[in-house]
Amino acid sequence: MARSLILSGLALLLLVLGQQIGKAEVHPKLTTQVCTKKHGCVTQQTYLVLDALSHPIQNIKTGGSCTNSSGQLDLSVCGTEKKACVQNCALEGIDYAQHGVETQGSSLTLRQYLNISGVQQSVSPRLYLLGPTAQNYEMLQLLNQEFTFIVDVSNLPCGMNGALYFSEMARSGGRSNLNPAGASYGTGYCDAQCPAISWINGVANVDVVKVGDLRAAPSGLDVSS
């Protein structure tokens, strides 16, 4: 009995200290196929999610941003303590059309620039591929298999850069008691740039430490424009 009470108390503490989820989001659908010699090509419904850095972190009570112009936590809104920050702020869902992302069947369109309130702004979406449940990244095992796609660049102007590549990431995006959002909100990406992100494994980065979102990162498909 004593042991169960201690574990329950620990679970509650983790939930208090962990990152909160705000408004839910609707992930764009992208039809893909898995083909084998035995079964031919089987169509499946997969989904897309924007990187967590594209998701706003907002004050739960006021709706104001919990980050500053540099994308780091605004401690005057968030609070200087990790516990206070996660109680005040939540990772919010987004409208994908406002980030230049459109899908239709098996077709994906990414826009580098959008006219926002009369101003041409760069949105540069970075997307990952989610599996049929939209909860975890689609893990692509390429041993003795191939991955095929078609890119239409006929309408692109000069000087545009796009990339489609594989990144080693945990299937769940590092989902845990501290990070309930996980892959569904695009968490878990890590690369050599090591930015000072707002959340590290679901804990508020109030000390502005420059580390990746997950050192042992997630594996999904990263599509950048």
Protein backbone atom coordinates (compact mmCIF):
# COMPACT_ATOMS: atom_id res chain seq x y z
CA MET A 1 0.00 0.00 0.00
CA ALA A 2 2.77 2.43 0.92
CA ARG A 3 4.57 1.75 -2.36
CA SER A 4 1.45 2.45 -4.46
CA LEU A 5 0.88 5.74 -2.64
CA ILE A 6 4.45 6.87 -3.32
CA LEU A 7 4.18 5.99 -7.03
CA SER A 8 0.85 7.80 -7.34
CA GLY A 9 2.32 10.88 -5.73
CA LEU A 10 5.27 10.77 -8.11
CA ALA A 11 2.94 10.52 -11.11
CA LEU A 12 1.01 13.59 -9.97
CA LEU A 13 4.24 15.52 -9.50
CA LEU A 14 5.37 14.66 -13.04
CA LEU A 15 2.06 15.86 -14.47
CA VAL A 16 2.38 19.17 -12.65
CA LEU A 17 5.93 19.67 -13.94
CA GLY A 18 5.24 18.44 -17.49
CA GLN A 19 4.37 20.39 -20.62
CA GLN A 20 0.66 21.06 -21.11
CA ILE A 21 -1.35 20.70 -24.34
CA GLY A 22 -3.62 23.56 -25.35
CA LYS A 23 -5.94 23.70 -28.36
CA ALA A 24 -6.20 20.47 -30.36
CA GLU A 25 -5.28 20.48 -34.04
CA VAL A 26 -6.45 18.69 -37.18
CA HIS A 27 -3.55 17.05 -39.02
CA PRO A 28 -3.54 17.20 -42.83
CA LYS A 29 -4.21 13.80 -44.39
CA LEU A 30 -1.72 12.38 -46.89
CA THR A 31 -2.49 9.15 -48.74
CA THR A 32 0.55 6.86 -49.05
CA GLN A 33 1.12 3.30 -50.24
CA VAL A 34 3.09 0.32 -48.97
CA CYS A 35 4.00 -2.10 -51.76
CA THR A 36 5.22 -5.70 -51.58
CA LYS A 37 5.55 -8.52 -54.14
CA LYS A 38 3.11 -10.68 -52.20
CA HIS A 39 0.32 -8.16 -51.55
CA GLY A 40 0.93 -5.53 -54.19
CA CYS A 41 0.36 -1.88 -53.23
CA VAL A 42 -1.84 -1.23 -50.20
CA THR A 43 -3.12 2.32 -49.73
CA GLN A 44 -2.99 3.73 -46.22
CA GLN A 45 -4.09 6.99 -44.63
CA THR A 46 -1.17 8.82 -43.04
CA TYR A 47 -0.95 12.33 -41.64
CA LEU A 48 1.42 15.28 -41.42
CA VAL A 49 2.54 17.32 -38.42
CA LEU A 50 4.51 20.56 -38.27
CA ASP A 51 7.62 20.73 -36.12
CA ALA A 52 6.99 21.72 -32.49
CA LEU A 53 8.85 24.99 -33.07
CA SER A 54 5.94 26.05 -35.31
CA HIS A 55 3.42 25.51 -32.51
CA PRO A 56 2.80 28.60 -30.38
CA ILE A 57 3.24 28.45 -26.62
CA GLN A 58 0.50 30.55 -25.06
CA ASN A 59 -0.53 31.70 -21.62
CA ILE A 60 -3.45 29.53 -20.50
CA LYS A 61 -5.35 32.40 -18.87
CA THR A 62 -4.69 35.34 -21.22
CA GLY A 63 -3.96 33.65 -24.54
CA GLY A 64 -0.81 35.77 -24.90
CA SER A 65 2.48 34.36 -26.13
CA CYS A 66 4.82 32.74 -23.61
CA THR A 67 7.80 33.27 -25.93
CA ASN A 68 9.75 36.36 -26.98
CA SER A 69 10.79 37.53 -30.45
CA SER A 70 13.76 35.13 -30.33
CA GLY A 71 11.47 32.14 -29.81
CA GLN A 72 12.68 31.60 -26.24
CA LEU A 73 10.46 31.54 -23.17
CA ASP A 74 9.39 34.98 -21.97
CA LEU A 75 10.05 34.59 -18.26
CA SER A 76 7.90 37.64 -17.43
CA VAL A 77 4.89 35.67 -18.75
CA CYS A 78 6.00 32.12 -18.15
CA GLY A 79 7.67 32.56 -14.76
CA THR A 80 11.26 31.86 -13.79
CA GLU A 81 10.51 28.49 -12.19
CA LYS A 82 9.93 25.33 -14.24
CA LYS A 83 6.80 24.43 -12.26
CA ALA A 84 5.26 27.89 -12.63
CA CYS A 85 5.97 27.98 -16.36
CA VAL A 86 4.20 24.73 -17.19
CA GLN A 87 1.23 25.80 -15.08
CA ASN A 88 0.99 29.09 -16.99
CA CYS A 89 1.73 28.01 -20.56
CA ALA A 90 0.64 25.32 -23.04
CA LEU A 91 1.72 24.06 -26.47
CA GLU A 92 -1.10 25.04 -28.84
CA GLY A 93 -2.52 23.40 -31.94
CA ILE A 94 -2.25 25.25 -35.26
CA ASP A 95 -4.06 25.94 -38.55
CA TYR A 96 -1.95 24.29 -41.25
CA ALA A 97 -3.24 26.50 -44.06
CA GLN A 98 -1.74 29.51 -42.25
CA HIS A 99 1.63 27.76 -42.39
CA GLY A 100 1.57 27.12 -46.14
CA VAL A 101 0.58 23.44 -45.97
CA GLU A 102 -2.07 21.94 -48.26
CA THR A 103 -2.86 18.29 -49.05
CA GLN A 104 -5.20 16.57 -51.49
CA GLY A 105 -5.12 12.79 -51.62
CA SER A 106 -1.49 11.80 -52.15
CA SER A 107 -0.44 15.34 -53.11
CA LEU A 108 1.29 17.76 -50.73
CA THR A 109 1.85 21.45 -51.49
CA LEU A 110 4.26 23.54 -49.41
CA ARG A 111 4.44 27.31 -49.71
CA GLN A 112 7.54 29.25 -48.75
CA TYR A 113 5.74 32.61 -48.62
CA LEU A 114 2.24 33.68 -47.61
CA ASN A 115 0.49 37.03 -47.75
CA ILE A 116 -0.36 37.66 -44.10
CA SER A 117 -2.30 40.88 -43.39
CA GLY A 118 -0.97 42.44 -46.59
CA VAL A 119 2.66 41.52 -45.85
CA GLN A 120 4.60 38.81 -47.71
CA GLN A 121 6.08 36.58 -45.02
CA SER A 122 8.25 33.46 -45.08
CA VAL A 123 6.63 30.49 -43.33
CA SER A 124 9.04 27.71 -44.41
CA PRO A 125 7.11 24.68 -43.05
CA ARG A 126 9.03 21.67 -41.71
CA LEU A 127 6.81 18.61 -41.66
CA TYR A 128 7.04 15.06 -40.35
CA LEU A 129 5.04 12.03 -41.46
CA LEU A 130 2.67 10.48 -38.91
CA GLY A 131 1.29 6.94 -39.09
CA PRO A 132 -2.38 5.93 -39.57
CA THR A 133 -3.32 6.78 -35.97
CA ALA A 134 -1.75 10.28 -36.17
CA GLN A 135 -0.17 9.60 -32.77
CA ASN A 136 3.33 8.43 -33.73
CA TYR A 137 5.83 9.06 -36.50
CA GLU A 138 5.75 6.67 -39.43
CA MET A 139 8.86 4.52 -39.15
CA LEU A 140 10.26 3.82 -42.60
CA GLN A 141 12.40 0.66 -42.72
CA LEU A 142 14.36 0.79 -45.98
CA LEU A 143 16.37 -2.44 -45.78
CA ASN A 144 15.69 -4.25 -49.09
CA GLN A 145 13.01 -1.67 -49.88
CA GLU A 146 12.83 1.60 -51.76
CA PHE A 147 11.17 4.94 -51.07
CA THR A 148 9.73 6.79 -54.07
CA PHE A 149 8.20 10.23 -54.50
CA ILE A 150 7.67 12.83 -57.22
CA VAL A 151 8.47 16.52 -56.78
CA ASP A 152 6.92 19.12 -59.09
CA VAL A 153 9.19 22.18 -59.25
CA SER A 154 7.78 23.58 -62.49
CA ASN A 155 6.22 26.62 -60.79
CA LEU A 156 9.13 27.45 -58.47
CA PRO A 157 11.09 30.68 -58.96
CA CYS A 158 14.88 30.86 -58.81
CA GLY A 159 16.64 30.69 -55.45
CA MET A 160 14.19 28.34 -53.71
CA ASN A 161 15.46 25.56 -51.47
CA GLY A 162 13.58 22.43 -50.52
CA ALA A 163 14.56 19.16 -48.89
CA LEU A 164 13.05 15.77 -48.18
CA TYR A 165 15.17 13.65 -45.89
CA PHE A 166 15.21 11.09 -43.10
CA SER A 167 15.96 12.02 -39.51
CA GLU A 168 16.61 9.67 -36.61
CA MET A 169 13.74 10.28 -34.19
CA ALA A 170 11.92 8.28 -31.52
CA ARG A 171 8.62 6.91 -32.83
CA SER A 172 6.57 8.70 -30.15
CA GLY A 173 8.49 11.97 -30.40
CA GLY A 174 9.63 11.47 -26.80
CA ARG A 175 6.09 11.27 -25.43
CA SER A 176 6.07 10.85 -21.64
CA ASN A 177 4.37 12.13 -18.49
CA LEU A 178 6.43 15.29 -18.93
CA ASN A 179 5.72 15.53 -22.66
CA PRO A 180 2.17 14.29 -23.38
CA ALA A 181 2.14 16.12 -26.73
CA GLY A 182 4.80 13.92 -28.34
CA ALA A 183 4.80 13.24 -32.06
CA SER A 184 1.22 14.55 -32.44
CA TYR A 185 2.61 18.06 -31.91
CA GLY A 186 5.92 17.55 -33.71
CA THR A 187 8.28 17.13 -30.76
CA GLY A 188 11.55 15.22 -30.79
CA TYR A 189 13.56 16.69 -33.64
CA CYS A 190 17.28 17.18 -32.99
CA ASP A 191 20.13 18.31 -35.23
CA ALA A 192 23.63 19.80 -34.99
CA GLN A 193 22.38 23.40 -34.72
CA CYS A 194 21.33 22.89 -31.08
CA PRO A 195 18.94 25.86 -30.68
CA ALA A 196 17.84 27.15 -27.27
CA ILE A 197 14.32 25.72 -27.56
CA SER A 198 11.51 26.47 -25.11
CA TRP A 199 10.95 22.90 -23.88
CA ILE A 200 13.44 20.08 -23.35
CA ASN A 201 11.79 16.66 -22.96
CA GLY A 202 8.64 18.43 -21.76
CA VAL A 203 10.42 20.57 -19.14
CA ALA A 204 10.38 24.37 -19.45
CA ASN A 205 13.83 25.63 -20.49
CA VAL A 206 13.83 28.63 -18.14
CA ASP A 207 17.64 28.53 -17.95
CA VAL A 208 17.88 28.93 -21.76
CA VAL A 209 20.14 25.91 -22.17
CA LYS A 210 21.16 25.25 -25.78
CA VAL A 211 20.42 21.58 -26.26
CA GLY A 212 18.38 19.58 -28.77
CA ASP A 213 14.75 18.68 -28.06
CA LEU A 214 15.84 15.06 -27.62
CA ARG A 215 19.46 13.93 -27.60
CA ALA A 216 18.33 10.44 -28.52
CA ALA A 217 16.06 11.92 -31.15
CA PRO A 218 12.64 10.51 -33.10
CA SER A 219 12.55 8.87 -36.76
CA GLY A 220 10.11 10.41 -39.06
CA LEU A 221 10.04 11.95 -42.48
CA ASP A 222 11.11 15.58 -42.50
CA VAL A 223 9.85 17.63 -45.45
CA SER A 224 11.19 21.18 -45.61
CA SER A 225 10.47 23.95 -48.09
